[in-house]
PDB file of N, CA and C in Angstrom:
ATOM      1  N   MET A   1      -2.394  71.325  28.855  1.00  0.00           N
ATOM      2  CA  MET A   1      -1.837  70.009  28.637  1.00  0.00           C
ATOM      3  C   MET A   1      -2.925  69.100  28.076  1.00  0.00           C
ATOM      4  N   ASN A   2      -2.556  68.311  27.072  1.00  0.00           N
ATOM      5  CA  ASN A   2      -3.503  67.389  26.468  1.00  0.00           C
ATOM      6  C   ASN A   2      -3.779  66.223  27.397  1.00  0.00           C
ATOM      7  N   LYS A   3      -4.990  65.773  27.358  1.00  0.00           N
ATOM      8  CA  LYS A   3      -5.420  64.634  28.146  1.00  0.00           C
ATOM      9  C   LYS A   3      -5.183  63.349  27.347  1.00  0.00           C
ATOM     10  N   LEU A   4      -4.616  62.334  27.986  1.00  0.00           N
ATOM     11  CA  LEU A   4      -4.474  61.020  27.349  1.00  0.00           C
ATOM     12  C   LEU A   4      -5.657  60.149  27.745  1.00  0.00           C
ATOM     13  N   GLU A   5      -6.121  59.390  26.782  1.00  0.00           N
ATOM     14  CA  GLU A   5      -7.193  58.437  27.026  1.00  0.00           C
ATOM     15  C   GLU A   5      -6.767  57.092  26.473  1.00  0.00           C
ATOM     16  N   TYR A   6      -7.551  56.067  26.759  1.00  0.00           N
ATOM     17  CA  TYR A   6      -7.255  54.751  26.198  1.00  0.00           C
ATOM     18  C   TYR A   6      -8.553  54.027  25.892  1.00  0.00           C
ATOM     19  N   ALA A   7      -8.442  53.090  24.983  1.00  0.00           N
ATOM     20  CA  ALA A   7      -9.550  52.215  24.622  1.00  0.00           C
ATOM     21  C   ALA A   7      -8.958  50.842  24.330  1.00  0.00           C
ATOM     22  N   VAL A   8      -9.737  49.810  24.596  1.00  0.00           N
ATOM     23  CA  VAL A   8      -9.270  48.438  24.422  1.00  0.00           C
ATOM     24  C   VAL A   8     -10.117  47.741  23.365  1.00  0.00           C
ATOM     25  N   HIS A   9      -9.433  47.127  22.426  1.00  0.00           N
ATOM     26  CA  HIS A   9     -10.070  46.322  21.377  1.00  0.00           C
ATOM     27  C   HIS A   9      -9.815  44.851  21.709  1.00  0.00           C
ATOM     28  N   VAL A  10     -10.867  44.053  21.722  1.00  0.00           N
ATOM     29  CA  VAL A  10     -10.721  42.627  22.026  1.00  0.00           C
ATOM     30  C   VAL A  10     -11.073  41.818  20.786  1.00  0.00           C
ATOM     31  N   ALA A  11     -10.107  41.023  20.338  1.00  0.00           N
ATOM     32  CA  ALA A  11     -10.339  40.105  19.217  1.00  0.00           C
ATOM     33  C   ALA A  11     -10.946  38.820  19.783  1.00  0.00           C
ATOM     34  N   PRO A  12     -11.899  38.241  19.114  1.00  0.00           N
ATOM     35  CA  PRO A  12     -12.550  37.031  19.640  1.00  0.00           C
ATOM     36  C   PRO A  12     -11.617  35.825  19.675  1.00  0.00           C
ATOM     37  N   SER A  13     -12.020  34.837  20.450  1.00  0.00           N
ATOM     38  CA  SER A  13     -11.249  33.590  20.487  1.00  0.00           C
ATOM     39  C   SER A  13     -11.294  32.935  19.113  1.00  0.00           C
ATOM     40  N   LYS A  14     -10.322  32.048  18.886  1.00  0.00           N
ATOM     41  CA  LYS A  14     -10.253  31.368  17.594  1.00  0.00           C
ATOM     42  C   LYS A  14      -9.757  29.944  17.817  1.00  0.00           C
ATOM     43  N   PRO A  15     -10.107  29.034  16.919  1.00  0.00           N
ATOM     44  CA  PRO A  15      -9.656  27.647  17.077  1.00  0.00           C
ATOM     45  C   PRO A  15      -8.134  27.531  16.967  1.00  0.00           C
ATOM     46  N   VAL A  16      -7.585  26.635  17.731  1.00  0.00           N
ATOM     47  CA  VAL A  16      -6.160  26.323  17.697  1.00  0.00           C
ATOM     48  C   VAL A  16      -5.987  24.984  16.988  1.00  0.00           C
ATOM     49  N   VAL A  17      -5.017  24.894  16.124  1.00  0.00           N
ATOM     50  CA  VAL A  17      -4.702  23.620  15.487  1.00  0.00           C
ATOM     51  C   VAL A  17      -3.869  22.819  16.477  1.00  0.00           C
ATOM     52  N   SER A  18      -4.434  21.706  16.962  1.00  0.00           N
ATOM     53  CA  SER A  18      -3.733  20.911  17.970  1.00  0.00           C
ATOM     54  C   SER A  18      -4.279  19.493  17.977  1.00  0.00           C
ATOM     55  N   ASP A  19      -3.380  18.545  18.176  1.00  0.00           N
ATOM     56  CA  ASP A  19      -3.818  17.168  18.386  1.00  0.00           C
ATOM     57  C   ASP A  19      -3.641  16.775  19.847  1.00  0.00           C
ATOM     58  N   ASP A  20      -3.347  17.746  20.696  1.00  0.00           N
ATOM     59  CA  ASP A  20      -3.154  17.531  22.127  1.00  0.00           C
ATOM     60  C   ASP A  20      -4.381  18.048  22.874  1.00  0.00           C
ATOM     61  N   LEU A  21      -5.480  17.301  22.752  1.00  0.00           N
ATOM     62  CA  LEU A  21      -6.738  17.718  23.352  1.00  0.00           C
ATOM     63  C   LEU A  21      -7.003  16.968  24.650  1.00  0.00           C
ATOM     64  N   ALA A  22      -7.606  17.664  25.571  1.00  0.00           N
ATOM     65  CA  ALA A  22      -8.001  17.033  26.824  1.00  0.00           C
ATOM     66  C   ALA A  22      -9.134  16.049  26.563  1.00  0.00           C
ATOM     67  N   PRO A  23      -9.285  15.040  27.414  1.00  0.00           N
ATOM     68  CA  PRO A  23     -10.395  14.093  27.238  1.00  0.00           C
ATOM     69  C   PRO A  23     -11.731  14.834  27.169  1.00  0.00           C
ATOM     70  N   GLY A  24     -12.518  14.462  26.177  1.00  0.00           N
ATOM     71  CA  GLY A  24     -13.833  15.067  25.995  1.00  0.00           C
ATOM     72  C   GLY A  24     -13.834  16.339  25.151  1.00  0.00           C
ATOM     73  N   GLU A  25     -12.666  16.887  24.847  1.00  0.00           N
ATOM     74  CA  GLU A  25     -12.603  18.075  23.991  1.00  0.00           C
ATOM     75  C   GLU A  25     -12.518  17.653  22.537  1.00  0.00           C
ATOM     76  N   ASP A  26     -13.226  18.376  21.668  1.00  0.00           N
ATOM     77  CA  ASP A  26     -13.093  18.096  20.235  1.00  0.00           C
ATOM     78  C   ASP A  26     -12.284  19.184  19.527  1.00  0.00           C
ATOM     79  N   ARG A  27     -12.012  20.295  20.244  1.00  0.00           N
ATOM     80  CA  ARG A  27     -11.143  21.338  19.714  1.00  0.00           C
ATOM     81  C   ARG A  27     -10.664  22.210  20.868  1.00  0.00           C
ATOM     82  N   ARG A  28      -9.581  22.877  20.614  1.00  0.00           N
ATOM     83  CA  ARG A  28      -9.023  23.812  21.599  1.00  0.00           C
ATOM     84  C   ARG A  28      -9.173  25.219  21.039  1.00  0.00           C
ATOM     85  N   MET A  29      -9.475  26.163  21.925  1.00  0.00           N
ATOM     86  CA  MET A  29      -9.649  27.553  21.505  1.00  0.00           C
ATOM     87  C   MET A  29      -8.537  28.429  22.076  1.00  0.00           C
ATOM     88  N   TRP A  30      -8.087  29.367  21.261  1.00  0.00           N
ATOM     89  CA  TRP A  30      -7.133  30.381  21.679  1.00  0.00           C
ATOM     90  C   TRP A  30      -7.927  31.461  22.403  1.00  0.00           C
ATOM     91  N   SER A  31      -7.452  31.891  23.536  1.00  0.00           N
ATOM     92  CA  SER A  31      -8.153  32.919  24.312  1.00  0.00           C
ATOM     93  C   SER A  31      -8.324  34.198  23.502  1.00  0.00           C
ATOM     94  N   PRO A  32      -9.373  34.975  23.799  1.00  0.00           N
ATOM     95  CA  PRO A  32      -9.473  36.290  23.172  1.00  0.00           C
ATOM     96  C   PRO A  32      -8.218  37.107  23.501  1.00  0.00           C
ATOM     97  N   THR A  33      -7.795  37.926  22.574  1.00  0.00           N
ATOM     98  CA  THR A  33      -6.619  38.764  22.784  1.00  0.00           C
ATOM     99  C   THR A  33      -7.015  40.230  22.625  1.00  0.00           C
ATOM    100  N   SER A  34      -6.202  41.103  23.202  1.00  0.00           N
ATOM    101  CA  SER A  34      -6.575  42.512  23.176  1.00  0.00           C
ATOM    102  C   SER A  34      -5.412  43.396  22.762  1.00  0.00           C
ATOM    103  N   SER A  35      -5.775  44.548  22.246  1.00  0.00           N
ATOM    104  CA  SER A  35      -4.850  45.630  21.938  1.00  0.00           C
ATOM    105  C   SER A  35      -5.375  46.876  22.626  1.00  0.00           C
ATOM    106  N   THR A  36      -4.456  47.718  23.047  1.00  0.00           N
ATOM    107  CA  THR A  36      -4.841  48.960  23.708  1.00  0.00           C
ATOM    108  C   THR A  36      -4.377  50.142  22.872  1.00  0.00           C
ATOM    109  N   LEU A  37      -5.252  51.089  22.703  1.00  0.00           N
ATOM    110  CA  LEU A  37      -4.937  52.332  22.011  1.00  0.00           C
ATOM    111  C   LEU A  37      -4.834  53.428  23.071  1.00  0.00           C
ATOM    112  N   ILE A  38      -3.664  54.046  23.164  1.00  0.00           N
ATOM    113  CA  ILE A  38      -3.447  55.164  24.074  1.00  0.00           C
ATOM    114  C   ILE A  38      -3.347  56.399  23.194  1.00  0.00           C
ATOM    115  N   TYR A  39      -4.209  57.386  23.414  1.00  0.00           N
ATOM    116  CA  TYR A  39      -4.293  58.474  22.457  1.00  0.00           C
ATOM    117  C   TYR A  39      -4.538  59.833  23.101  1.00  0.00           C
ATOM    118  N   GLY A  40      -4.122  60.826  22.360  1.00  0.00           N
ATOM    119  CA  GLY A  40      -4.405  62.209  22.698  1.00  0.00           C
ATOM    120  C   GLY A  40      -5.377  62.765  21.676  1.00  0.00           C
ATOM    121  N   ALA A  41      -5.305  64.053  21.462  1.00  0.00           N
ATOM    122  CA  ALA A  41      -6.241  64.699  20.544  1.00  0.00           C
ATOM    123  C   ALA A  41      -6.072  64.258  19.100  1.00  0.00           C
ATOM    124  N   ARG A  42      -4.843  63.864  18.734  1.00  0.00           N
ATOM    125  CA  ARG A  42      -4.568  63.566  17.332  1.00  0.00           C
ATOM    126  C   ARG A  42      -3.834  62.244  17.119  1.00  0.00           C
ATOM    127  N   ASP A  43      -2.807  62.000  17.910  1.00  0.00           N
ATOM    128  CA  ASP A  43      -1.938  60.843  17.704  1.00  0.00           C
ATOM    129  C   ASP A  43      -2.187  59.752  18.735  1.00  0.00           C
ATOM    130  N   ALA A  44      -1.654  58.556  18.420  1.00  0.00           N
ATOM    131  CA  ALA A  44      -1.900  57.410  19.291  1.00  0.00           C
ATOM    132  C   ALA A  44      -0.727  56.436  19.269  1.00  0.00           C
ATOM    133  N   ILE A  45      -0.661  55.666  20.332  1.00  0.00           N
ATOM    134  CA  ILE A  45       0.244  54.518  20.436  1.00  0.00           C
ATOM    135  C   ILE A  45      -0.654  53.285  20.498  1.00  0.00           C
ATOM    136  N   LEU A  46      -0.334  52.286  19.702  1.00  0.00           N
ATOM    137  CA  LEU A  46      -1.086  51.038  19.704  1.00  0.00           C
ATOM    138  C   LEU A  46      -0.232  49.969  20.366  1.00  0.00           C
ATOM    139  N   VAL A  47      -0.778  49.337  21.381  1.00  0.00           N
ATOM    140  CA  VAL A  47      -0.051  48.325  22.144  1.00  0.00           C
ATOM    141  C   VAL A  47      -0.527  46.937  21.719  1.00  0.00           C
ATOM    142  N   ASP A  48       0.409  46.114  21.258  1.00  0.00           N
ATOM    143  CA  ASP A  48       0.185  44.718  20.868  1.00  0.00           C
ATOM    144  C   ASP A  48      -0.800  44.569  19.708  1.00  0.00           C
ATOM    145  N   PRO A  49      -0.278  44.544  18.467  1.00  0.00           N
ATOM    146  CA  PRO A  49      -1.131  44.524  17.288  1.00  0.00           C
ATOM    147  C   PRO A  49      -1.686  43.152  16.872  1.00  0.00           C
ATOM    148  N   LEU A  50      -1.912  42.276  17.817  1.00  0.00           N
ATOM    149  CA  LEU A  50      -2.620  41.002  17.622  1.00  0.00           C
ATOM    150  C   LEU A  50      -1.845  39.977  16.796  1.00  0.00           C
ATOM    151  N   LEU A  51      -2.504  38.850  16.526  1.00  0.00           N
ATOM    152  CA  LEU A  51      -1.852  37.679  15.937  1.00  0.00           C
ATOM    153  C   LEU A  51      -1.999  37.594  14.423  1.00  0.00           C
ATOM    154  N   THR A  52      -3.217  37.639  13.932  1.00  0.00           N
ATOM    155  CA  THR A  52      -3.442  37.362  12.510  1.00  0.00           C
ATOM    156  C   THR A  52      -3.638  38.650  11.700  1.00  0.00           C
ATOM    157  N   THR A  53      -3.459  38.516  10.410  1.00  0.00           N
ATOM    158  CA  THR A  53      -3.691  39.645   9.508  1.00  0.00           C
ATOM    159  C   THR A  53      -5.142  40.093   9.592  1.00  0.00           C
ATOM    160  N   ALA A  54      -6.072  39.150   9.581  1.00  0.00           N
ATOM    161  CA  ALA A  54      -7.498  39.505   9.635  1.00  0.00           C
ATOM    162  C   ALA A  54      -7.837  40.240  10.927  1.00  0.00           C
ATOM    163  N   GLU A  55      -7.331  39.760  12.053  1.00  0.00           N
ATOM    164  CA  GLU A  55      -7.580  40.443  13.325  1.00  0.00           C
ATOM    165  C   GLU A  55      -6.998  41.852  13.309  1.00  0.00           C
ATOM    166  N   SER A  56      -5.819  41.985  12.764  1.00  0.00           N
ATOM    167  CA  SER A  56      -5.156  43.286  12.761  1.00  0.00           C
ATOM    168  C   SER A  56      -5.819  44.250  11.787  1.00  0.00           C
ATOM    169  N   ARG A  57      -6.376  43.744  10.706  1.00  0.00           N
ATOM    170  CA  ARG A  57      -7.134  44.620   9.797  1.00  0.00           C
ATOM    171  C   ARG A  57      -8.393  45.133  10.485  1.00  0.00           C
ATOM    172  N   ALA A  58      -9.065  44.264  11.235  1.00  0.00           N
ATOM    173  CA  ALA A  58     -10.229  44.707  12.014  1.00  0.00           C
ATOM    174  C   ALA A  58      -9.798  45.718  13.077  1.00  0.00           C
ATOM    175  N   LEU A  59      -8.637  45.493  13.682  1.00  0.00           N
ATOM    176  CA  LEU A  59      -8.086  46.431  14.660  1.00  0.00           C
ATOM    177  C   LEU A  59      -7.841  47.793  14.014  1.00  0.00           C
ATOM    178  N   VAL A  60      -7.254  47.801  12.830  1.00  0.00           N
ATOM    179  CA  VAL A  60      -6.985  49.050  12.111  1.00  0.00           C
ATOM    180  C   VAL A  60      -8.295  49.772  11.789  1.00  0.00           C
ATOM    181  N   ASP A  61      -9.321  49.040  11.397  1.00  0.00           N
ATOM    182  CA  ASP A  61     -10.630  49.657  11.149  1.00  0.00           C
ATOM    183  C   ASP A  61     -11.155  50.323  12.417  1.00  0.00           C
ATOM    184  N   TRP A  62     -10.990  49.655  13.547  1.00  0.00           N
ATOM    185  CA  TRP A  62     -11.418  50.180  14.848  1.00  0.00           C
ATOM    186  C   TRP A  62     -10.645  51.461  15.184  1.00  0.00           C
ATOM    187  N   VAL A  63      -9.329  51.436  14.974  1.00  0.00           N
ATOM    188  CA  VAL A  63      -8.501  52.621  15.244  1.00  0.00           C
ATOM    189  C   VAL A  63      -8.900  53.757  14.308  1.00  0.00           C
ATOM    190  N   THR A  64      -9.076  53.461  13.034  1.00  0.00           N
ATOM    191  CA  THR A  64      -9.421  54.473  12.049  1.00  0.00           C
ATOM    192  C   THR A  64     -10.750  55.151  12.403  1.00  0.00           C
ATOM    193  N   ALA A  65     -11.693  54.398  12.930  1.00  0.00           N
ATOM    194  CA  ALA A  65     -12.984  54.963  13.337  1.00  0.00           C
ATOM    195  C   ALA A  65     -12.818  55.960  14.482  1.00  0.00           C
ATOM    196  N   LYS A  66     -11.749  55.855  15.227  1.00  0.00           N
ATOM    197  CA  LYS A  66     -11.473  56.796  16.320  1.00  0.00           C
ATOM    198  C   LYS A  66     -10.744  58.039  15.829  1.00  0.00           C
ATOM    199  N   ASP A  67     -10.412  58.084  14.532  1.00  0.00           N
ATOM    200  CA  ASP A  67      -9.789  59.233  13.892  1.00  0.00           C
ATOM    201  C   ASP A  67      -8.502  59.658  14.593  1.00  0.00           C
ATOM    202  N   ARG A  68      -7.635  58.663  14.826  1.00  0.00           N
ATOM    203  CA  ARG A  68      -6.330  58.935  15.431  1.00  0.00           C
ATOM    204  C   ARG A  68      -5.240  58.421  14.513  1.00  0.00           C
ATOM    205  N   ASN A  69      -4.097  59.081  14.546  1.00  0.00           N
ATOM    206  CA  ASN A  69      -2.938  58.697  13.762  1.00  0.00           C
ATOM    207  C   ASN A  69      -1.999  57.870  14.631  1.00  0.00           C
ATOM    208  N   VAL A  70      -1.792  56.621  14.271  1.00  0.00           N
ATOM    209  CA  VAL A  70      -0.885  55.762  15.037  1.00  0.00           C
ATOM    210  C   VAL A  70       0.554  56.121  14.666  1.00  0.00           C
ATOM    211  N   THR A  71       1.303  56.580  15.660  1.00  0.00           N
ATOM    212  CA  THR A  71       2.705  56.936  15.448  1.00  0.00           C
ATOM    213  C   THR A  71       3.652  55.838  15.903  1.00  0.00           C
ATOM    214  N   THR A  72       3.180  55.006  16.840  1.00  0.00           N
ATOM    215  CA  THR A  72       4.035  53.981  17.433  1.00  0.00           C
ATOM    216  C   THR A  72       3.212  52.733  17.705  1.00  0.00           C
ATOM    217  N   VAL A  73       3.797  51.580  17.423  1.00  0.00           N
ATOM    218  CA  VAL A  73       3.223  50.284  17.779  1.00  0.00           C
ATOM    219  C   VAL A  73       4.175  49.683  18.800  1.00  0.00           C
ATOM    220  N   PHE A  74       3.678  49.457  20.010  1.00  0.00           N
ATOM    221  CA  PHE A  74       4.510  48.953  21.102  1.00  0.00           C
ATOM    222  C   PHE A  74       4.194  47.481  21.345  1.00  0.00           C
ATOM    223  N   VAL A  75       5.230  46.654  21.348  1.00  0.00           N
ATOM    224  CA  VAL A  75       5.078  45.214  21.589  1.00  0.00           C
ATOM    225  C   VAL A  75       5.512  44.940  23.026  1.00  0.00           C
ATOM    226  N   THR A  76       4.609  44.377  23.818  1.00  0.00           N
ATOM    227  CA  THR A  76       4.882  44.187  25.244  1.00  0.00           C
ATOM    228  C   THR A  76       5.785  43.005  25.539  1.00  0.00           C
ATOM    229  N   HIS A  77       5.659  41.936  24.758  1.00  0.00           N
ATOM    230  CA  HIS A  77       6.534  40.785  24.966  1.00  0.00           C
ATOM    231  C   HIS A  77       6.590  39.928  23.702  1.00  0.00           C
ATOM    232  N   ALA A  78       7.548  39.005  23.680  1.00  0.00           N
ATOM    233  CA  ALA A  78       7.914  38.302  22.446  1.00  0.00           C
ATOM    234  C   ALA A  78       7.108  37.041  22.182  1.00  0.00           C
ATOM    235  N   HIS A  79       5.802  37.124  22.304  1.00  0.00           N
ATOM    236  CA  HIS A  79       4.925  36.051  21.843  1.00  0.00           C
ATOM    237  C   HIS A  79       4.253  36.540  20.569  1.00  0.00           C
ATOM    238  N   GLY A  80       4.185  35.680  19.562  1.00  0.00           N
ATOM    239  CA  GLY A  80       3.661  36.072  18.263  1.00  0.00           C
ATOM    240  C   GLY A  80       2.275  36.675  18.290  1.00  0.00           C
ATOM    241  N   ASP A  81       1.440  36.264  19.256  1.00  0.00           N
ATOM    242  CA  ASP A  81       0.091  36.826  19.308  1.00  0.00           C
ATOM    243  C   ASP A  81       0.089  38.294  19.727  1.00  0.00           C
ATOM    244  N   HIS A  82       1.248  38.825  20.048  1.00  0.00           N
ATOM    245  CA  HIS A  82       1.365  40.237  20.418  1.00  0.00           C
ATOM    246  C   HIS A  82       2.034  41.077  19.339  1.00  0.00           C
ATOM    247  N   PHE A  83       2.483  40.444  18.224  1.00  0.00           N
ATOM    248  CA  PHE A  83       3.131  41.270  17.195  1.00  0.00           C
ATOM    249  C   PHE A  83       3.039  40.748  15.771  1.00  0.00           C
ATOM    250  N   PHE A  84       2.596  39.523  15.528  1.00  0.00           N
ATOM    251  CA  PHE A  84       2.537  39.039  14.147  1.00  0.00           C
ATOM    252  C   PHE A  84       1.640  39.914  13.264  1.00  0.00           C
ATOM    253  N   GLY A  85       0.661  40.582  13.839  1.00  0.00           N
ATOM    254  CA  GLY A  85      -0.246  41.432  13.064  1.00  0.00           C
ATOM    255  C   GLY A  85       0.304  42.808  12.729  1.00  0.00           C
ATOM    256  N   ALA A  86       1.512  43.122  13.156  1.00  0.00           N
ATOM    257  CA  ALA A  86       2.079  44.459  12.916  1.00  0.00           C
ATOM    258  C   ALA A  86       2.099  44.869  11.442  1.00  0.00           C
ATOM    259  N   PRO A  87       2.424  43.973  10.491  1.00  0.00           N
ATOM    260  CA  PRO A  87       2.429  44.415   9.085  1.00  0.00           C
ATOM    261  C   PRO A  87       1.085  44.976   8.615  1.00  0.00           C
ATOM    262  N   ALA A  88      -0.014  44.419   9.067  1.00  0.00           N
ATOM    263  CA  ALA A  88      -1.327  44.941   8.671  1.00  0.00           C
ATOM    264  C   ALA A  88      -1.549  46.337   9.239  1.00  0.00           C
ATOM    265  N   VAL A  89      -1.038  46.593  10.429  1.00  0.00           N
ATOM    266  CA  VAL A  89      -1.139  47.935  11.013  1.00  0.00           C
ATOM    267  C   VAL A  89      -0.263  48.908  10.223  1.00  0.00           C
ATOM    268  N   LEU A  90       0.942  48.471   9.880  1.00  0.00           N
ATOM    269  CA  LEU A  90       1.854  49.340   9.129  1.00  0.00           C
ATOM    270  C   LEU A  90       1.365  49.610   7.710  1.00  0.00           C
ATOM    271  N   ASP A  91       0.560  48.716   7.147  1.00  0.00           N
ATOM    272  CA  ASP A  91      -0.039  48.983   5.834  1.00  0.00           C
ATOM    273  C   ASP A  91      -0.898  50.245   5.891  1.00  0.00           C
ATOM    274  N   ARG A  92      -1.615  50.421   6.979  1.00  0.00           N
ATOM    275  CA  ARG A  92      -2.507  51.592   7.136  1.00  0.00           C
ATOM    276  C   ARG A  92      -1.775  52.805   7.707  1.00  0.00           C
ATOM    277  N   PHE A  93      -0.773  52.560   8.557  1.00  0.00           N
ATOM    278  CA  PHE A  93      -0.018  53.633   9.206  1.00  0.00           C
ATOM    279  C   PHE A  93       1.477  53.426   8.921  1.00  0.00           C
ATOM    280  N   PRO A  94       1.896  53.621   7.675  1.00  0.00           N
ATOM    281  CA  PRO A  94       3.274  53.289   7.287  1.00  0.00           C
ATOM    282  C   PRO A  94       4.351  54.121   7.979  1.00  0.00           C
ATOM    283  N   GLN A  95       3.995  55.263   8.516  1.00  0.00           N
ATOM    284  CA  GLN A  95       4.968  56.090   9.211  1.00  0.00           C
ATOM    285  C   GLN A  95       5.188  55.643  10.658  1.00  0.00           C
ATOM    286  N   ALA A  96       4.360  54.748  11.155  1.00  0.00           N
ATOM    287  CA  ALA A  96       4.481  54.295  12.549  1.00  0.00           C
ATOM    288  C   ALA A  96       5.754  53.474  12.738  1.00  0.00           C
ATOM    289  N   ARG A  97       6.302  53.551  13.929  1.00  0.00           N
ATOM    290  CA  ARG A  97       7.478  52.747  14.288  1.00  0.00           C
ATOM    291  C   ARG A  97       7.018  51.618  15.202  1.00  0.00           C
ATOM    292  N   VAL A  98       7.532  50.425  14.981  1.00  0.00           N
ATOM    293  CA  VAL A  98       7.294  49.302  15.889  1.00  0.00           C
ATOM    294  C   VAL A  98       8.450  49.285  16.873  1.00  0.00           C
ATOM    295  N   VAL A  99       8.131  49.311  18.163  1.00  0.00           N
ATOM    296  CA  VAL A  99       9.158  49.350  19.198  1.00  0.00           C
ATOM    297  C   VAL A  99       8.873  48.302  20.259  1.00  0.00           C
ATOM    298  N   ALA A 100       9.956  47.891  20.924  1.00  0.00           N
ATOM    299  CA  ALA A 100       9.880  46.952  22.037  1.00  0.00           C
ATOM    300  C   ALA A 100      11.126  47.146  22.884  1.00  0.00           C
ATOM    301  N   ALA A 101      11.064  46.712  24.117  1.00  0.00           N
ATOM    302  CA  ALA A 101      12.253  46.743  24.964  1.00  0.00           C
ATOM    303  C   ALA A 101      13.325  45.862  24.323  1.00  0.00           C
ATOM    304  N   PRO A 102      14.604  46.163  24.548  1.00  0.00           N
ATOM    305  CA  PRO A 102      15.673  45.382  23.911  1.00  0.00           C
ATOM    306  C   PRO A 102      15.572  43.873  24.147  1.00  0.00           C
ATOM    307  N   GLY A 103      15.236  43.456  25.342  1.00  0.00           N
ATOM    308  CA  GLY A 103      15.108  42.025  25.624  1.00  0.00           C
ATOM    309  C   GLY A 103      13.965  41.376  24.866  1.00  0.00           C
ATOM    310  N   VAL A 104      12.887  42.125  24.672  1.00  0.00           N
ATOM    311  CA  VAL A 104      11.746  41.628  23.888  1.00  0.00           C
ATOM    312  C   VAL A 104      12.151  41.518  22.421  1.00  0.00           C
ATOM    313  N   ALA A 105      12.744  42.577  21.894  1.00  0.00           N
ATOM    314  CA  ALA A 105      13.150  42.581  20.487  1.00  0.00           C
ATOM    315  C   ALA A 105      14.118  41.438  20.186  1.00  0.00           C
ATOM    316  N   ALA A 106      14.992  41.142  21.124  1.00  0.00           N
ATOM    317  CA  ALA A 106      15.979  40.074  20.915  1.00  0.00           C
ATOM    318  C   ALA A 106      15.335  38.689  20.810  1.00  0.00           C
ATOM    319  N   ARG A 107      14.154  38.533  21.397  1.00  0.00           N
ATOM    320  CA  ARG A 107      13.493  37.218  21.375  1.00  0.00           C
ATOM    321  C   ARG A 107      12.394  37.105  20.319  1.00  0.00           C
ATOM    322  N   MET A 108      12.049  38.192  19.662  1.00  0.00           N
ATOM    323  CA  MET A 108      10.931  38.163  18.712  1.00  0.00           C
ATOM    324  C   MET A 108      11.188  37.217  17.541  1.00  0.00           C
ATOM    325  N   ASP A 109      12.428  37.093  17.095  1.00  0.00           N
ATOM    326  CA  ASP A 109      12.699  36.236  15.938  1.00  0.00           C
ATOM    327  C   ASP A 109      12.642  34.751  16.276  1.00  0.00           C
ATOM    328  N   THR A 110      12.442  34.386  17.526  1.00  0.00           N
ATOM    329  CA  THR A 110      12.275  32.978  17.891  1.00  0.00           C
ATOM    330  C   THR A 110      10.855  32.490  17.665  1.00  0.00           C
ATOM    331  N   GLN A 111       9.920  33.413  17.428  1.00  0.00           N
ATOM    332  CA  GLN A 111       8.525  33.058  17.190  1.00  0.00           C
ATOM    333  C   GLN A 111       8.309  32.827  15.707  1.00  0.00           C
ATOM    334  N   ARG A 112       7.636  31.773  15.362  1.00  0.00           N
ATOM    335  CA  ARG A 112       7.374  31.479  13.946  1.00  0.00           C
ATOM    336  C   ARG A 112       5.963  31.015  13.755  1.00  0.00           C
TER     337      ARG A 112
END
């Protein structure tokens, strides 16, 4: 039986565009976000492909360095920072399927 392993990629924090700042703050930062790669000897599932195209391209470079084929991109919940980057992942792994639970998929189009 093949052994499954995982690795976590963390994208750095980034500035948020906001005029709702706390007293004394000059900018607000978006928390670092992460994606998890669950993989066997050859194939992998990528969990939450990040927010921006640039972050997701860096994520794809990280996955590619691990020499795994992404077959599935799993979205854990319907916040854009967990799936807006999927197109950049699919550019590199066009055969991969993006999947989510039905309740998550139903709410994904509310994010813009």
